[in-house]
């Protein structure tokens, strides 16, 4: 039997420590030093169109701003961006979900029916909690 081949097989089967940056000395993630690991942050998009769909509204706004700038000049997209920013700041109390009706009206989305209107957007799920604590946290009174 060839001992050189056996030696290379043993070398390949021995795990190498320090290969994974999240693993500790025993191959277990070091939660105390690195925090909890989130699988959601490490996932890659499962479909090529997923990133495009996620950034659809941003891409649509950029296209509208560039068209508006070429037609009306620099002041028009700046004014519209300022109105968008002001409409985003209008919110309900932290324990109530905001519908962002003013922002939808500015973008022209108030007359369209989308997926989130029928089956609800998962990002806008109901939040349970103590209203006073959530408001104090939002205002920065709790640390």
Protein backbone atom coordinates (compact mmCIF):
# COMPACT_ATOMS: atom_id res chain seq x y z
CA UNK A 1 0.00 0.00 0.00
CA UNK A 2 1.25 3.48 -0.79
CA UNK A 3 1.85 5.40 2.45
CA UNK A 4 2.08 8.69 0.65
CA UNK A 5 -1.52 8.36 -0.59
CA UNK A 6 -2.70 7.44 2.93
CA UNK A 7 -0.93 10.43 4.41
CA UNK A 8 -2.58 12.82 1.95
CA UNK A 9 -6.00 11.31 2.70
CA UNK A 10 -5.51 11.82 6.45
CA UNK A 11 -4.31 15.37 5.92
CA UNK A 12 -7.40 16.23 3.88
CA UNK A 13 -9.80 14.77 6.45
CA UNK A 14 -8.42 16.69 9.46
CA UNK A 15 -10.37 19.92 10.05
CA UNK A 16 -8.31 23.07 10.03
CA UNK A 17 -9.03 25.45 12.93
CA UNK A 18 -9.35 29.14 12.20
CA UNK A 19 -10.63 28.51 8.68
CA UNK A 20 -14.05 29.95 9.43
CA UNK A 21 -13.93 33.54 10.76
CA UNK A 22 -17.11 33.07 12.85
CA UNK A 23 -16.02 29.80 14.49
CA UNK A 24 -14.21 29.78 17.80
CA UNK A 25 -11.42 27.43 18.90
CA UNK A 26 -13.76 24.42 19.08
CA UNK A 27 -15.62 25.10 15.85
CA UNK A 28 -18.55 26.71 17.65
CA UNK A 29 -19.41 30.38 16.95
CA UNK A 30 -18.10 32.74 19.65
CA UNK A 31 -21.34 34.46 20.57
CA UNK A 32 -19.95 36.51 23.45
CA UNK A 33 -17.34 38.28 21.34
CA UNK A 34 -19.05 38.45 17.94
CA UNK A 35 -22.73 38.60 18.92
CA UNK A 36 -25.54 36.50 17.56
CA UNK A 37 -25.15 35.39 13.98
CA UNK A 38 -28.02 36.15 11.66
CA UNK A 39 -28.57 33.83 8.74
CA UNK A 40 -30.79 36.42 7.07
CA UNK A 41 -27.85 38.83 6.64
CA UNK A 42 -25.70 36.12 5.04
CA UNK A 43 -28.25 35.00 2.45
CA UNK A 44 -27.74 35.94 -1.16
CA UNK A 45 -30.66 36.79 -3.42
CA UNK A 46 -32.28 33.61 -4.65
CA UNK A 47 -33.35 35.08 -7.99
CA UNK A 48 -31.61 37.60 -10.27
CA UNK A 49 -34.65 39.89 -10.25
CA UNK A 50 -34.90 40.03 -6.45
CA UNK A 51 -32.47 42.95 -6.13
CA UNK A 52 -34.17 44.75 -8.98
CA UNK A 53 -37.57 44.37 -7.34
CA UNK A 54 -36.22 45.45 -3.96
CA UNK A 55 -34.76 48.64 -5.45
CA UNK A 56 -37.62 49.30 -7.89
CA UNK A 57 -38.95 52.44 -6.19
CA UNK A 58 -35.45 53.91 -5.81
CA UNK A 59 -34.67 53.28 -9.48
CA UNK A 60 -38.05 54.72 -10.49
CA UNK A 61 -37.38 57.87 -8.45
CA UNK A 62 -33.91 58.29 -10.00
CA UNK A 63 -35.34 57.98 -13.48
CA UNK A 64 -38.13 60.47 -12.73
CA UNK A 65 -35.65 62.94 -11.21
CA UNK A 66 -33.32 62.77 -14.21
CA UNK A 67 -36.23 63.26 -16.62
CA UNK A 68 -37.56 66.15 -14.54
CA UNK A 69 -34.12 67.75 -14.42
CA UNK A 70 -33.67 67.58 -18.17
CA UNK A 71 -37.14 69.07 -18.78
CA UNK A 72 -37.51 71.71 -16.03
CA UNK A 73 -34.02 72.25 -14.68
CA UNK A 74 -32.22 71.56 -11.40
CA UNK A 75 -34.76 73.19 -9.07
CA UNK A 76 -37.63 70.76 -9.85
CA UNK A 77 -36.04 67.48 -8.63
CA UNK A 78 -34.58 69.27 -5.60
CA UNK A 79 -38.01 70.61 -4.65
CA UNK A 80 -39.58 67.18 -5.15
CA UNK A 81 -36.89 65.49 -3.03
CA UNK A 82 -37.52 68.03 -0.28
CA UNK A 83 -41.25 67.26 -0.42
CA UNK A 84 -40.54 63.50 -0.28
CA UNK A 85 -38.32 63.98 2.78
CA UNK A 86 -40.99 66.06 4.54
CA UNK A 87 -43.69 63.48 3.71
CA UNK A 88 -41.52 60.63 5.08
CA UNK A 89 -41.13 62.42 8.42
CA UNK A 90 -44.90 62.54 8.98
CA UNK A 91 -45.57 59.44 11.06
CA UNK A 92 -47.99 58.16 13.62
CA UNK A 93 -46.98 57.19 17.12
CA UNK A 94 -44.34 54.42 17.24
CA UNK A 95 -46.80 51.71 18.23
CA UNK A 96 -49.10 52.47 15.25
CA UNK A 97 -48.13 51.73 11.66
CA UNK A 98 -48.08 54.72 9.33
CA UNK A 99 -49.76 54.44 5.94
CA UNK A 100 -47.51 57.13 4.35
CA UNK A 101 -50.49 58.46 2.41
CA UNK A 102 -48.80 61.81 1.69
CA UNK A 103 -45.75 60.08 0.19
CA UNK A 104 -47.94 57.77 -1.91
CA UNK A 105 -49.87 60.79 -3.19
CA UNK A 106 -46.67 62.61 -4.18
CA UNK A 107 -45.37 59.54 -6.02
CA UNK A 108 -48.71 58.84 -7.70
CA UNK A 109 -49.10 55.45 -6.03
CA UNK A 110 -52.37 56.36 -4.32
CA UNK A 111 -54.42 55.22 -7.32
CA UNK A 112 -52.67 51.88 -7.89
CA UNK A 113 -53.41 48.55 -6.23
CA UNK A 114 -50.36 46.43 -5.52
CA UNK A 115 -49.44 43.19 -3.80
CA UNK A 116 -49.05 44.88 -0.41
CA UNK A 117 -52.57 46.33 -0.65
CA UNK A 118 -54.18 42.90 -1.01
CA UNK A 119 -51.95 40.53 0.99
CA UNK A 120 -50.21 43.13 3.17
CA UNK A 121 -46.53 43.92 3.20
CA UNK A 122 -44.58 41.78 5.71
CA UNK A 123 -42.60 44.86 6.71
CA UNK A 124 -45.81 46.48 7.92
CA UNK A 125 -46.89 43.68 10.23
CA UNK A 126 -48.60 44.51 13.49
CA UNK A 127 -46.40 45.40 16.41
CA UNK A 128 -47.36 44.55 19.94
CA UNK A 129 -45.86 46.43 22.83
CA UNK A 130 -46.35 48.91 25.59
CA UNK A 131 -47.18 52.27 23.95
CA UNK A 132 -45.41 54.38 26.58
CA UNK A 133 -42.19 52.37 26.43
CA UNK A 134 -42.15 52.39 22.61
CA UNK A 135 -42.71 56.16 22.50
CA UNK A 136 -39.95 56.81 25.07
CA UNK A 137 -37.57 54.57 23.10
CA UNK A 138 -38.37 56.43 19.86
CA UNK A 139 -37.73 59.77 21.57
CA UNK A 140 -34.43 58.51 22.99
CA UNK A 141 -35.48 58.70 26.63
CA UNK A 142 -34.62 55.01 27.19
CA UNK A 143 -31.15 53.73 26.49
